N, C-alpha and C. Protein backbone atom coordinates (compact mmCIF):
# COMPACT_ATOMS: atom_id res chain seq x y z
N MET A 1 29.31 34.49 -55.43
CA MET A 1 29.09 33.13 -55.70
C MET A 1 29.91 32.11 -55.08
N LYS A 2 29.39 31.07 -54.61
CA LYS A 2 30.04 29.89 -53.70
C LYS A 2 30.03 28.85 -54.60
N LYS A 3 31.11 28.04 -54.55
CA LYS A 3 31.34 26.75 -55.17
C LYS A 3 31.12 25.58 -54.02
N ILE A 4 30.30 24.63 -54.20
CA ILE A 4 30.26 23.53 -53.13
C ILE A 4 30.55 22.24 -53.87
N TYR A 5 31.04 21.31 -53.09
CA TYR A 5 31.19 19.87 -53.58
C TYR A 5 30.34 19.03 -52.58
N VAL A 6 29.62 18.12 -53.29
CA VAL A 6 28.73 17.26 -52.80
C VAL A 6 29.01 15.78 -53.06
N GLY A 7 29.37 15.12 -52.12
CA GLY A 7 29.88 13.70 -52.32
C GLY A 7 28.85 12.66 -52.14
N ASN A 8 29.14 11.48 -52.48
CA ASN A 8 28.27 10.27 -52.23
C ASN A 8 26.87 10.53 -52.92
N LEU A 9 26.75 11.13 -53.98
CA LEU A 9 25.38 10.98 -54.74
C LEU A 9 25.28 9.77 -55.23
N PRO A 10 23.99 9.44 -55.43
CA PRO A 10 23.66 8.03 -55.98
C PRO A 10 24.05 8.10 -57.54
N PHE A 11 24.41 7.02 -58.05
CA PHE A 11 24.74 7.10 -59.44
C PHE A 11 23.69 7.46 -60.29
N SER A 12 22.38 7.39 -59.88
CA SER A 12 21.23 7.71 -60.66
C SER A 12 21.05 9.26 -60.71
N ALA A 13 21.66 9.96 -59.88
CA ALA A 13 21.45 11.59 -59.75
C ALA A 13 21.85 12.10 -61.06
N SER A 14 21.09 13.05 -61.51
CA SER A 14 21.25 13.66 -62.84
C SER A 14 21.54 15.15 -62.47
N GLU A 15 22.11 15.89 -63.44
CA GLU A 15 22.48 17.42 -63.19
C GLU A 15 21.03 18.09 -62.85
N ASP A 16 19.95 17.67 -63.47
CA ASP A 16 18.65 18.41 -63.21
C ASP A 16 18.22 17.98 -61.88
N ASP A 17 18.56 16.79 -61.20
CA ASP A 17 18.13 16.52 -59.82
C ASP A 17 18.78 17.30 -58.98
N VAL A 18 20.20 17.44 -59.12
CA VAL A 18 21.00 18.37 -58.38
C VAL A 18 20.48 19.80 -58.37
N ARG A 19 20.39 20.33 -59.57
CA ARG A 19 19.90 21.72 -59.72
C ARG A 19 18.54 21.99 -58.89
N ASN A 20 17.56 21.00 -59.12
CA ASN A 20 16.35 21.13 -58.59
C ASN A 20 16.31 21.05 -57.10
N LEU A 21 17.24 20.05 -56.43
CA LEU A 21 17.23 20.17 -55.09
C LEU A 21 17.75 21.37 -54.53
N PHE A 22 19.10 21.82 -54.94
CA PHE A 22 19.68 23.02 -54.47
C PHE A 22 18.97 24.32 -54.85
N GLY A 23 18.40 24.25 -56.05
CA GLY A 23 17.67 25.46 -56.40
C GLY A 23 16.42 25.94 -55.34
N GLN A 24 16.12 25.16 -54.46
CA GLN A 24 15.09 25.19 -53.59
C GLN A 24 15.66 26.46 -52.38
N HIS A 25 16.93 26.35 -52.56
CA HIS A 25 17.85 27.28 -51.46
C HIS A 25 18.43 28.56 -52.02
N GLY A 26 18.31 28.62 -53.44
CA GLY A 26 18.98 29.77 -54.03
C GLY A 26 19.20 29.54 -55.63
N THR A 27 19.96 30.52 -56.04
CA THR A 27 20.11 30.34 -57.55
C THR A 27 21.31 29.46 -57.77
N VAL A 28 21.12 28.44 -58.63
CA VAL A 28 22.21 27.49 -59.01
C VAL A 28 22.72 27.97 -60.46
N HIS A 29 24.12 28.28 -60.39
CA HIS A 29 24.68 28.78 -61.56
C HIS A 29 25.05 27.89 -62.60
N SER A 30 25.73 26.59 -62.08
CA SER A 30 26.12 25.49 -62.89
C SER A 30 26.25 24.34 -62.00
N VAL A 31 26.04 23.23 -62.59
CA VAL A 31 26.20 21.87 -62.00
C VAL A 31 27.16 20.97 -62.89
N ALA A 32 28.07 20.31 -62.25
CA ALA A 32 29.08 19.40 -62.74
C ALA A 32 29.02 18.22 -62.05
N LEU A 33 28.72 17.13 -62.83
CA LEU A 33 28.66 15.87 -62.03
C LEU A 33 29.89 15.04 -62.70
N ILE A 34 30.80 14.65 -61.96
CA ILE A 34 31.96 13.75 -62.10
C ILE A 34 31.56 12.36 -62.33
N MET A 35 31.61 11.94 -63.71
CA MET A 35 31.16 10.56 -63.98
C MET A 35 32.09 9.46 -64.19
N ASP A 36 33.33 9.76 -63.87
CA ASP A 36 34.48 8.99 -63.94
C ASP A 36 34.36 7.69 -63.25
N GLY A 37 33.39 7.49 -62.17
CA GLY A 37 33.20 6.29 -61.50
C GLY A 37 34.33 6.05 -60.32
N ARG A 38 34.26 5.07 -59.78
CA ARG A 38 35.23 4.59 -58.72
C ARG A 38 36.28 3.68 -59.28
N ALA A 39 37.40 3.56 -58.48
CA ALA A 39 38.37 2.90 -58.97
C ALA A 39 38.00 1.28 -58.77
N LEU A 40 38.32 0.56 -59.60
CA LEU A 40 37.98 -1.10 -59.53
C LEU A 40 39.07 -1.64 -58.88
N ARG A 41 38.56 -2.70 -57.97
CA ARG A 41 39.53 -3.63 -57.36
C ARG A 41 39.12 -5.07 -57.72
N VAL A 42 39.98 -5.66 -58.46
CA VAL A 42 39.90 -6.94 -58.81
C VAL A 42 40.82 -7.95 -58.20
N ASN A 43 40.30 -8.85 -57.56
CA ASN A 43 41.22 -9.93 -56.93
C ASN A 43 40.62 -11.35 -57.32
N GLU A 44 41.44 -12.34 -57.06
CA GLU A 44 41.08 -13.78 -57.33
C GLU A 44 40.27 -14.04 -56.17
N ALA A 45 39.16 -14.61 -56.40
CA ALA A 45 38.20 -15.34 -55.21
C ALA A 45 38.94 -16.32 -54.52
N GLN A 46 38.74 -16.28 -53.19
CA GLN A 46 39.26 -17.25 -52.24
C GLN A 46 38.09 -17.97 -51.69
N ASP A 47 38.37 -19.30 -51.43
CA ASP A 47 37.29 -20.10 -50.96
C ASP A 47 37.21 -19.81 -49.33
N LYS A 48 36.18 -19.74 -48.74
CA LYS A 48 36.31 -19.63 -47.32
C LYS A 48 36.58 -20.87 -46.62
N PRO A 49 37.39 -20.85 -45.45
CA PRO A 49 37.69 -22.07 -45.00
C PRO A 49 36.58 -22.73 -44.15
N CYS A 50 36.38 -24.09 -44.10
CA CYS A 50 35.44 -24.75 -43.52
C CYS A 50 35.93 -25.07 -42.02
N GLY A 51 34.78 -24.85 -41.17
CA GLY A 51 35.22 -25.00 -39.82
C GLY A 51 34.17 -24.33 -38.91
N GLY A 52 33.11 -24.94 -38.71
CA GLY A 52 32.21 -24.43 -37.79
C GLY A 52 31.93 -23.05 -37.95
N GLY A 53 31.19 -22.41 -36.97
CA GLY A 53 31.00 -20.93 -36.90
C GLY A 53 30.45 -20.62 -35.66
N GLY A 54 30.47 -19.28 -35.39
CA GLY A 54 29.87 -18.74 -34.19
C GLY A 54 30.92 -18.50 -33.10
N GLY A 55 31.89 -19.30 -32.98
CA GLY A 55 32.78 -18.86 -31.84
C GLY A 55 32.29 -19.16 -30.48
N ASP A 56 32.59 -18.42 -29.61
CA ASP A 56 32.38 -18.52 -28.23
C ASP A 56 31.36 -17.56 -27.77
N ARG A 57 30.28 -17.27 -28.35
CA ARG A 57 29.33 -16.39 -27.91
C ARG A 57 28.51 -16.82 -26.86
N TRP A 58 28.05 -16.04 -25.85
CA TRP A 58 27.29 -16.47 -24.88
C TRP A 58 25.90 -15.81 -24.96
């Protein structure tokens, strides 16, 4: 029996979704979805500087 890690699944994925997808390729003994989320990053919002745009593009 092999254990695999699958990253970047959509947050909407369920254990049944994963089981059905991989079950097409062989027997799935167990599925464990880690639902602890991602680390939050909170910063104070900064105003964007005013000053034209575009630069020197040709």
